[in-house]
Amino acid sequence: MVSNPRRIIRSSLLVMSSSSSSSAAVDPAAALQQAMQQMGAMHAEMQRMQAHTQGLQSQLDVASAASAAASAGQVLDRNLPKIPSPVPFVGATGPAVEEFVNSVDRQFDYYVSSFAKEDTRLRYVVNYLQGKAASWWTSTKADLEKVGTPITTWSEFKEALRDRFQPVGSAVLAREALDRSQQKGSVASYTEHFYRCMTYIKDMSVADQVHQYGRGLKKEIRQEVIREQPDTLADAVMVAHKAESFLNIGSFTTSHGRSFVPRQQGYSASSGGSSGGSSAMDINNIELDLESLDSIEDRDDHHRGESTRIQQLAAQVNELKSQQKVQQSLLAMFQGRSNQGASNGASNGGGSLVSGVSKEDYSRCRTENRCLNCRTVGHVARECTKPRSFKW
């Protein structure tokens, strides 16, 4: 804590007043020594105040920079082009979990500043749980909080979600889906289904990818792919599209008709989409969606608190600077008086503190409360407006 400079100033002024108006004789040397001690104490106090002010100024600069960076990040997020919201997760098992997780991760990676906090992420993602998924989270959250192990991060939530709704590895399910896949519509729809399955398979060789892709194509198109002997999956896809155009087939626009996951595991037959009959949440606008969450209120409260803290720091810095100015003025006054007394004592051989006034006259003026300038009673030399006189 910084000492109150006003207390030191008031004490110093009392010493000066008592030394100048005392009716008893005061030892000039003792008065000078006391003034010098007061000046030393004030100088040390000023140094402590300056150090404290610098520390507060540093905190103010850091807080202001952090607040500006956060505000800039939020503005940047709001000015970004909007991307599609995640598809609500209704509790379907299998690869549907990965699709949901990936769609949420895209939001977090894109709107970085808006999802900087883990609690903000959790509050956001639970708004996209419906049906069985919503019921699971309500009961799981309550159970974990009772035993003192609540889920507090997005990573922990993903792990719990996978444990519950993805009991079998997604790669195994994806391979089974590929084994059952057959082109029923266009090459484009079949290829999209194939790529979605391959998202969950990381260890299939390029040759096996080409073979698996060609195996599910319509007979005429498969023959063209085999004849061309493509080296990569991308080459096989290009050959299949060319063959479809040349043979004038694939005019059907229906899906390939095969589900990603077997029906008994709760997956629909519409290109691996989630089942459950629930309609999508009407949250196409990410900005409006975010404003509906409690996390936005927390973020606003945080920034209001930061703004108040910055204002308080600024007020403290200004107050200390004002006090330093008063200290500097008083210190300059002490230095002027001490220098004057020292020079007067030197010019009079150490016999007086005032120029042109002998030690005897100085003592008499102080004893009789007379002016050192005009020798009259009732005022002091610094208030005297009369010409100088050496007569009594």
Protein backbone atom coordinates (compact mmCIF):
# COMPACT_ATOMS: atom_id res chain seq x y z
CA MET A 1 0.00 0.00 0.00
CA VAL A 2 1.18 3.52 -0.82
CA SER A 3 1.24 5.89 2.14
CA ASN A 4 -1.12 8.82 1.99
CA PRO A 5 0.98 11.72 0.67
CA ARG A 6 -1.50 14.24 2.06
CA ARG A 7 -0.65 13.06 5.57
CA ILE A 8 3.07 13.69 4.95
CA ILE A 9 2.34 17.09 3.39
CA ARG A 10 0.13 18.08 6.31
CA SER A 11 2.80 17.01 8.81
CA SER A 12 5.47 18.92 6.91
CA LEU A 13 3.38 22.08 6.81
CA LEU A 14 2.72 21.84 10.53
CA VAL A 15 6.44 21.61 11.19
CA MET A 16 7.08 24.62 8.94
CA SER A 17 4.27 26.61 10.57
CA SER A 18 5.40 25.85 14.07
CA SER A 19 8.98 26.70 13.22
CA SER A 20 7.99 30.05 11.69
CA SER A 21 5.43 31.22 14.26
CA SER A 22 6.80 29.89 17.54
CA SER A 23 7.26 32.56 20.14
CA ALA A 24 10.23 30.72 21.65
CA ALA A 25 13.70 30.79 20.17
CA VAL A 26 14.38 27.92 17.76
CA ASP A 27 17.79 26.54 17.02
CA PRO A 28 18.37 27.21 13.28
CA ALA A 29 20.56 24.14 12.86
CA ALA A 30 17.94 21.89 14.40
CA ALA A 31 15.22 23.42 12.21
CA LEU A 32 17.33 22.83 9.11
CA GLN A 33 18.05 19.24 10.14
CA GLN A 34 14.35 18.58 10.70
CA ALA A 35 13.47 20.06 7.31
CA MET A 36 16.09 17.91 5.61
CA GLN A 37 14.68 14.79 7.28
CA GLN A 38 11.18 15.67 6.10
CA MET A 39 12.48 16.25 2.60
CA GLY A 40 14.24 12.86 2.61
CA ALA A 41 11.07 11.10 3.74
CA MET A 42 9.05 12.83 1.03
CA HIS A 43 11.60 11.92 -1.62
CA ALA A 44 11.47 8.24 -0.60
CA GLU A 45 7.67 8.38 -0.62
CA MET A 46 7.71 9.84 -4.12
CA GLN A 47 9.90 7.01 -5.35
CA ARG A 48 7.46 4.44 -3.91
CA MET A 49 4.56 6.24 -5.51
CA GLN A 50 6.30 6.31 -8.88
CA ALA A 51 7.01 2.56 -8.71
CA HIS A 52 3.38 1.86 -7.77
CA THR A 53 2.15 4.10 -10.58
CA GLN A 54 4.32 2.30 -13.11
CA GLY A 55 2.94 -1.03 -11.94
CA LEU A 56 -0.65 0.17 -12.29
CA GLN A 57 0.13 1.65 -15.70
CA SER A 58 1.51 -1.71 -16.85
CA GLN A 59 -1.65 -3.49 -15.65
CA LEU A 60 -3.76 -0.88 -17.42
CA ASP A 61 -1.84 -1.36 -20.69
CA VAL A 62 -2.16 -5.16 -20.53
CA ALA A 63 -5.87 -5.04 -19.70
CA SER A 64 -6.55 -2.52 -22.45
CA ALA A 65 -4.64 -4.58 -25.01
CA ALA A 66 -6.47 -7.78 -24.01
CA SER A 67 -9.84 -6.05 -24.18
CA ALA A 68 -9.04 -4.58 -27.60
CA ALA A 69 -7.88 -7.97 -28.91
CA ALA A 70 -11.02 -9.72 -27.65
CA SER A 71 -13.27 -7.07 -29.14
CA ALA A 72 -11.42 -7.25 -32.46
CA GLY A 73 -11.79 -11.05 -32.49
CA GLN A 74 -15.52 -10.88 -31.88
CA VAL A 75 -16.00 -8.28 -34.58
CA LEU A 76 -13.96 -10.46 -36.91
CA ASP A 77 -16.15 -13.48 -36.14
CA ARG A 78 -19.33 -11.50 -36.76
CA ASN A 79 -18.02 -10.22 -40.07
CA LEU A 80 -17.12 -13.69 -41.35
CA PRO A 81 -19.34 -15.27 -43.99
CA LYS A 82 -21.74 -17.65 -42.28
CA ILE A 83 -21.31 -21.39 -42.66
CA PRO A 84 -24.05 -24.04 -42.28
CA SER A 85 -25.01 -24.94 -38.72
CA PRO A 86 -24.51 -28.51 -37.45
CA VAL A 87 -27.24 -31.03 -38.19
CA PRO A 88 -29.00 -31.92 -34.90
CA PHE A 89 -27.94 -35.26 -33.43
CA VAL A 90 -30.87 -37.46 -32.40
CA GLY A 91 -28.94 -40.43 -30.98
CA ALA A 92 -28.28 -42.64 -34.00
CA THR A 93 -25.42 -45.06 -33.47
CA GLY A 94 -22.37 -45.59 -35.63
CA PRO A 95 -20.73 -43.09 -37.98
CA ALA A 96 -23.48 -40.54 -37.39
CA VAL A 97 -21.56 -39.62 -34.24
CA GLU A 98 -18.44 -38.70 -36.24
CA GLU A 99 -20.49 -36.69 -38.69
CA PHE A 100 -21.99 -34.69 -35.85
CA VAL A 101 -18.64 -34.20 -34.12
CA ASN A 102 -16.97 -33.08 -37.33
CA SER A 103 -19.74 -30.58 -38.08
CA VAL A 104 -19.40 -29.07 -34.61
CA ASP A 105 -15.60 -28.94 -34.86
CA ARG A 106 -15.95 -26.96 -38.07
CA GLN A 107 -17.94 -24.33 -36.15
CA PHE A 108 -15.29 -24.11 -33.42
CA ASP A 109 -12.43 -23.89 -35.92
CA TYR A 110 -14.18 -21.22 -37.98
CA TYR A 111 -15.61 -18.98 -35.24
CA VAL A 112 -12.49 -19.07 -33.09
CA SER A 113 -13.11 -16.05 -30.87
CA SER A 114 -16.73 -16.90 -30.18
CA PHE A 115 -15.79 -20.37 -28.93
CA ALA A 116 -12.63 -19.59 -27.00
CA LYS A 117 -14.03 -20.95 -23.71
CA GLU A 118 -14.81 -24.60 -23.05
CA ASP A 119 -18.07 -23.85 -21.24
CA THR A 120 -19.20 -21.84 -24.28
CA ARG A 121 -18.53 -24.84 -26.50
CA LEU A 122 -20.50 -27.20 -24.28
CA ARG A 123 -23.47 -24.85 -24.04
CA TYR A 124 -23.47 -24.54 -27.81
CA VAL A 125 -23.26 -28.22 -28.66
CA VAL A 126 -26.00 -29.40 -26.27
CA ASN A 127 -28.46 -27.20 -28.16
CA TYR A 128 -28.03 -29.58 -31.12
CA LEU A 129 -28.95 -32.73 -29.16
CA GLN A 130 -32.44 -34.05 -29.74
CA GLY A 131 -34.46 -37.13 -28.89
CA LYS A 132 -32.44 -39.94 -27.33
CA ALA A 133 -29.27 -37.83 -27.42
CA ALA A 134 -30.84 -35.03 -25.39
CA SER A 135 -32.23 -37.49 -22.82
CA TRP A 136 -28.85 -39.22 -22.54
CA TRP A 137 -27.05 -35.95 -21.87
CA THR A 138 -29.55 -34.82 -19.22
CA SER A 139 -29.18 -38.04 -17.21
CA THR A 140 -25.43 -38.39 -17.78
CA LYS A 141 -24.74 -34.80 -16.75
CA ALA A 142 -26.70 -35.24 -13.51
CA ASP A 143 -25.00 -38.57 -12.67
CA LEU A 144 -21.49 -37.25 -13.23
CA GLU A 145 -22.14 -34.12 -11.17
CA LYS A 146 -23.38 -36.24 -8.26
CA VAL A 147 -20.10 -38.20 -8.11
CA GLY A 148 -18.02 -35.05 -8.56
CA THR A 149 -16.69 -35.78 -12.07
CA PRO A 150 -18.64 -33.45 -14.38
CA ILE A 151 -17.81 -33.07 -18.06
CA THR A 152 -16.23 -29.64 -18.50
CA THR A 153 -14.52 -29.74 -21.91
CA TRP A 154 -15.50 -30.45 -25.49
CA SER A 155 -12.94 -33.29 -25.66
CA GLU A 156 -14.52 -35.03 -22.65
CA PHE A 157 -17.97 -34.60 -24.19
CA LYS A 158 -16.85 -36.17 -27.49
CA GLU A 159 -15.38 -39.16 -25.68
CA ALA A 160 -18.59 -39.73 -23.70
CA LEU A 161 -20.70 -39.33 -26.85
CA ARG A 162 -18.64 -41.93 -28.71
CA ASP A 163 -18.74 -44.38 -25.81
CA ARG A 164 -22.52 -44.23 -25.75
CA PHE A 165 -23.50 -44.06 -29.43
CA GLN A 166 -20.51 -45.64 -31.18
CA PRO A 167 -19.99 -49.00 -29.51
CA VAL A 168 -18.43 -50.46 -32.67
CA GLY A 169 -15.51 -48.82 -34.43
CA SER A 170 -16.58 -46.50 -37.22
CA ALA A 171 -13.97 -48.00 -39.56
CA VAL A 172 -15.58 -51.47 -39.19
CA LEU A 173 -19.03 -50.07 -39.90
CA ALA A 174 -17.74 -48.13 -42.91
CA ARG A 175 -16.14 -51.27 -44.40
CA GLU A 176 -19.39 -53.17 -43.98
CA ALA A 177 -21.28 -50.37 -45.70
CA LEU A 178 -18.84 -50.43 -48.64
CA ASP A 179 -19.23 -54.20 -48.97
CA ARG A 180 -23.00 -53.73 -49.41
CA SER A 181 -22.86 -50.64 -51.63
CA GLN A 182 -24.22 -50.86 -55.18
CA GLN A 183 -24.81 -48.03 -57.63
CA LYS A 184 -28.55 -47.51 -58.08
CA GLY A 185 -28.59 -43.92 -59.28
CA SER A 186 -25.95 -41.63 -60.73
CA VAL A 187 -22.19 -41.96 -60.47
CA ALA A 188 -22.13 -38.72 -58.51
CA SER A 189 -24.41 -40.01 -55.71
CA TYR A 190 -22.56 -43.32 -55.52
CA THR A 191 -19.18 -41.54 -55.41
CA GLU A 192 -20.37 -39.23 -52.63
CA HIS A 193 -21.50 -42.22 -50.59
CA PHE A 194 -18.16 -43.95 -51.21
CA TYR A 195 -16.12 -40.92 -50.10
CA ARG A 196 -18.21 -40.57 -46.95
CA CYS A 197 -17.40 -44.16 -46.03
CA MET A 198 -13.71 -43.64 -46.77
CA THR A 199 -13.63 -40.76 -44.29
CA TYR A 200 -13.61 -43.34 -41.49
CA ILE A 201 -11.15 -45.77 -43.08
CA LYS A 202 -7.53 -44.68 -42.77
CA ASP A 203 -5.57 -47.84 -43.64
CA MET A 204 -6.98 -48.97 -47.02
CA SER A 205 -4.41 -49.10 -49.80
CA VAL A 206 -4.90 -47.18 -53.05
CA ALA A 207 -5.29 -50.42 -55.05
CA ASP A 208 -7.99 -51.66 -52.67
CA GLN A 209 -9.78 -48.30 -52.87
CA VAL A 210 -9.91 -48.52 -56.67
CA HIS A 211 -11.10 -52.14 -56.53
CA GLN A 212 -13.79 -51.43 -53.93
CA TYR A 213 -15.02 -48.39 -55.83
CA GLY A 214 -15.27 -50.24 -59.14
CA ARG A 215 -16.91 -53.30 -57.59
CA GLY A 216 -20.10 -51.36 -56.68
CA LEU A 217 -20.53 -49.55 -60.03
CA LYS A 218 -23.10 -50.54 -62.65
CA LYS A 219 -21.89 -53.27 -64.93
CA GLU A 220 -21.29 -51.12 -68.03
CA ILE A 221 -19.41 -48.44 -66.11
CA ARG A 222 -17.42 -51.01 -64.10
CA GLN A 223 -16.20 -52.57 -67.32
CA GLU A 224 -14.88 -49.19 -68.54
CA VAL A 225 -13.06 -48.61 -65.24
CA ILE A 226 -11.47 -52.07 -65.38
CA ARG A 227 -10.42 -51.50 -69.00
CA GLU A 228 -8.76 -48.17 -68.20
CA GLN A 229 -6.90 -49.60 -65.17
CA PRO A 230 -6.74 -46.33 -63.18
CA ASP A 231 -3.87 -45.88 -60.72
CA THR A 232 -5.74 -43.81 -58.13
CA LEU A 233 -9.25 -43.46 -56.77
CA ALA A 234 -9.52 -40.00 -58.32
CA ASP A 235 -8.68 -41.47 -61.75
CA ALA A 236 -11.30 -44.20 -61.26
CA VAL A 237 -13.95 -41.60 -60.42
CA MET A 238 -13.09 -39.57 -63.53
CA VAL A 239 -13.33 -42.69 -65.76
CA ALA A 240 -16.70 -43.60 -64.22
CA HIS A 241 -18.10 -40.12 -64.94
CA LYS A 242 -16.88 -40.24 -68.53
CA ALA A 243 -18.37 -43.67 -69.03
CA GLU A 244 -21.70 -42.52 -67.64
CA SER A 245 -21.77 -39.56 -70.02
CA PHE A 246 -20.83 -41.71 -73.01
CA LEU A 247 -23.34 -44.46 -72.29
CA ASN A 248 -26.07 -41.90 -71.48
CA ILE A 249 -27.02 -43.61 -68.28
CA GLY A 250 -27.37 -42.38 -64.76
CA SER A 251 -30.32 -40.15 -65.61
CA PHE A 252 -32.00 -41.32 -62.42
CA THR A 253 -31.68 -38.93 -59.58
CA THR A 254 -32.59 -41.32 -56.80
CA SER A 255 -30.11 -42.36 -54.11
CA HIS A 256 -28.03 -45.49 -54.39
CA GLY A 257 -30.47 -46.92 -51.90
CA ARG A 258 -28.04 -48.41 -49.44
CA SER A 259 -27.64 -47.26 -45.89
CA PHE A 260 -24.31 -46.45 -44.35
CA VAL A 261 -25.15 -48.54 -41.31
CA PRO A 262 -27.54 -51.55 -41.15
CA ARG A 263 -31.15 -50.67 -40.39
CA GLN A 264 -31.14 -52.63 -37.15
CA GLN A 265 -28.59 -50.17 -35.77
CA GLY A 266 -30.91 -47.21 -36.15
CA TYR A 267 -29.71 -45.63 -39.40
CA SER A 268 -32.00 -44.51 -42.21
CA ALA A 269 -31.62 -45.41 -45.85
CA SER A 270 -31.09 -41.87 -47.02
CA SER A 271 -27.37 -41.65 -47.66
CA GLY A 272 -26.38 -42.23 -44.06
CA GLY A 273 -28.52 -39.48 -42.57
CA SER A 274 -29.79 -39.67 -39.00
CA SER A 275 -33.21 -41.16 -38.30
CA GLY A 276 -35.79 -40.17 -35.77
CA GLY A 277 -38.20 -37.97 -37.71
CA SER A 278 -37.19 -34.78 -35.87
CA SER A 279 -37.14 -31.62 -37.90
CA ALA A 280 -33.99 -29.55 -38.07
CA MET A 281 -33.63 -26.66 -35.67
CA ASP A 282 -34.35 -23.31 -37.26
CA ILE A 283 -30.90 -21.84 -36.51
CA ASN A 284 -29.44 -21.06 -39.91
CA ASN A 285 -28.05 -17.76 -38.74
CA ILE A 286 -25.01 -18.38 -36.54
CA GLU A 287 -25.04 -14.90 -35.05
CA LEU A 288 -28.65 -15.17 -33.92
CA ASP A 289 -28.00 -18.68 -32.65
CA LEU A 290 -25.07 -17.55 -30.54
CA GLU A 291 -27.06 -14.67 -29.07
CA SER A 292 -29.64 -17.19 -27.83
CA LEU A 293 -27.10 -18.94 -25.60
CA ASP A 294 -26.20 -18.05 -22.03
CA SER A 295 -22.53 -18.04 -23.03
CA ILE A 296 -23.03 -14.75 -24.80
CA GLU A 297 -24.34 -13.19 -21.60
CA ASP A 298 -21.29 -14.51 -19.78
CA ARG A 299 -19.03 -13.07 -22.45
CA ASP A 300 -20.75 -9.68 -22.26
CA ASP A 301 -20.53 -9.68 -18.44
CA HIS A 302 -16.85 -10.52 -18.70
CA HIS A 303 -16.16 -7.63 -21.04
CA ARG A 304 -18.20 -5.23 -18.91
CA GLY A 305 -16.13 -6.31 -15.91
CA GLU A 306 -12.92 -5.80 -17.86
CA SER A 307 -14.05 -2.33 -18.90
CA THR A 308 -14.82 -1.41 -15.27
CA ARG A 309 -11.47 -2.71 -14.14
CA ILE A 310 -9.68 -0.66 -16.81
CA GLN A 311 -11.54 2.47 -15.73
CA GLN A 312 -10.60 1.87 -12.10
CA LEU A 313 -6.94 1.38 -12.99
CA ALA A 314 -6.95 4.55 -15.07
CA ALA A 315 -8.50 6.50 -12.17
CA GLN A 316 -5.84 5.20 -9.77
CA VAL A 317 -3.06 6.13 -12.17
CA ASN A 318 -4.45 9.65 -12.59
CA GLU A 319 -4.84 10.08 -8.81
CA LEU A 320 -1.26 8.98 -8.18
CA LYS A 321 0.06 11.28 -10.87
CA SER A 322 -1.81 14.19 -9.28
CA GLN A 323 -0.36 13.33 -5.89
CA GLN A 324 3.11 13.15 -7.37
CA LYS A 325 2.74 16.68 -8.72
CA VAL A 326 1.88 17.95 -5.20
CA GLN A 327 4.83 16.04 -3.76
CA GLN A 328 7.17 17.49 -6.37
CA SER A 329 5.99 21.03 -5.62
CA LEU A 330 6.45 20.60 -1.88
CA LEU A 331 9.84 18.95 -2.36
CA ALA A 332 10.96 21.84 -4.52
CA MET A 333 9.86 24.27 -1.81
CA PHE A 334 11.85 22.39 0.84
CA GLN A 335 14.89 22.26 -1.39
CA GLY A 336 14.67 26.03 -2.01
CA ARG A 337 14.44 26.81 1.69
CA SER A 338 17.21 24.45 2.68
CA ASN A 339 19.49 25.80 -0.04
CA GLN A 340 18.74 29.37 1.05
CA GLY A 341 19.47 28.55 4.68
CA ALA A 342 22.70 26.81 3.80
CA SER A 343 23.93 29.71 1.66
CA ASN A 344 22.99 32.26 4.34
CA GLY A 345 24.80 30.30 6.98
CA ALA A 346 27.89 30.11 4.78
CA SER A 347 27.86 33.84 4.02
CA ASN A 348 27.62 34.71 7.71
CA GLY A 349 30.27 32.31 8.82
CA GLY A 350 27.66 29.95 10.18
CA GLY A 351 26.20 32.67 12.42
CA SER A 352 22.89 33.30 10.57
CA LEU A 353 20.31 31.62 8.36
CA VAL A 354 19.17 34.80 6.53
CA SER A 355 21.30 36.94 4.23
CA GLY A 356 22.18 40.34 5.73
CA VAL A 357 20.81 39.51 9.17
CA SER A 358 23.14 38.85 12.04
CA LYS A 359 22.65 36.00 14.43
CA GLU A 360 21.67 38.39 17.21
CA ASP A 361 19.10 40.25 15.04
CA TYR A 362 17.69 36.95 13.79
CA SER A 363 17.23 35.66 17.35
CA ARG A 364 15.66 38.94 18.50
CA CYS A 365 13.20 39.03 15.56
CA ARG A 366 12.15 35.46 16.23
CA THR A 367 11.83 36.09 19.97
CA GLU A 368 9.82 39.30 19.56
CA ASN A 369 7.87 38.05 16.53
CA ARG A 370 9.25 40.80 14.30
CA CYS A 371 9.69 40.92 10.52
CA LEU A 372 13.27 40.21 9.41
CA ASN A 373 12.86 42.76 6.61
CA CYS A 374 11.36 45.91 8.23
CA ARG A 375 11.78 44.99 11.94
CA THR A 376 8.11 45.68 12.74
CA VAL A 377 5.78 43.37 14.65
CA GLY A 378 2.79 41.52 13.22
CA HIS A 379 3.97 39.81 10.07
CA VAL A 380 6.84 37.79 8.62
CA ALA A 381 9.38 38.69 5.96
CA ARG A 382 7.72 36.72 3.14
CA GLU A 383 4.53 38.78 3.64
CA CYS A 384 6.33 42.13 4.02
CA THR A 385 5.68 44.88 1.46
CA LYS A 386 7.78 47.59 3.14
CA PRO A 387 11.32 48.58 2.15
CA ARG A 388 14.10 46.93 4.02
CA SER A 389 15.14 48.60 7.27
CA PHE A 390 17.89 47.99 9.79
CA LYS A 391 16.33 50.23 12.49
CA TRP A 392 14.41 48.93 15.44
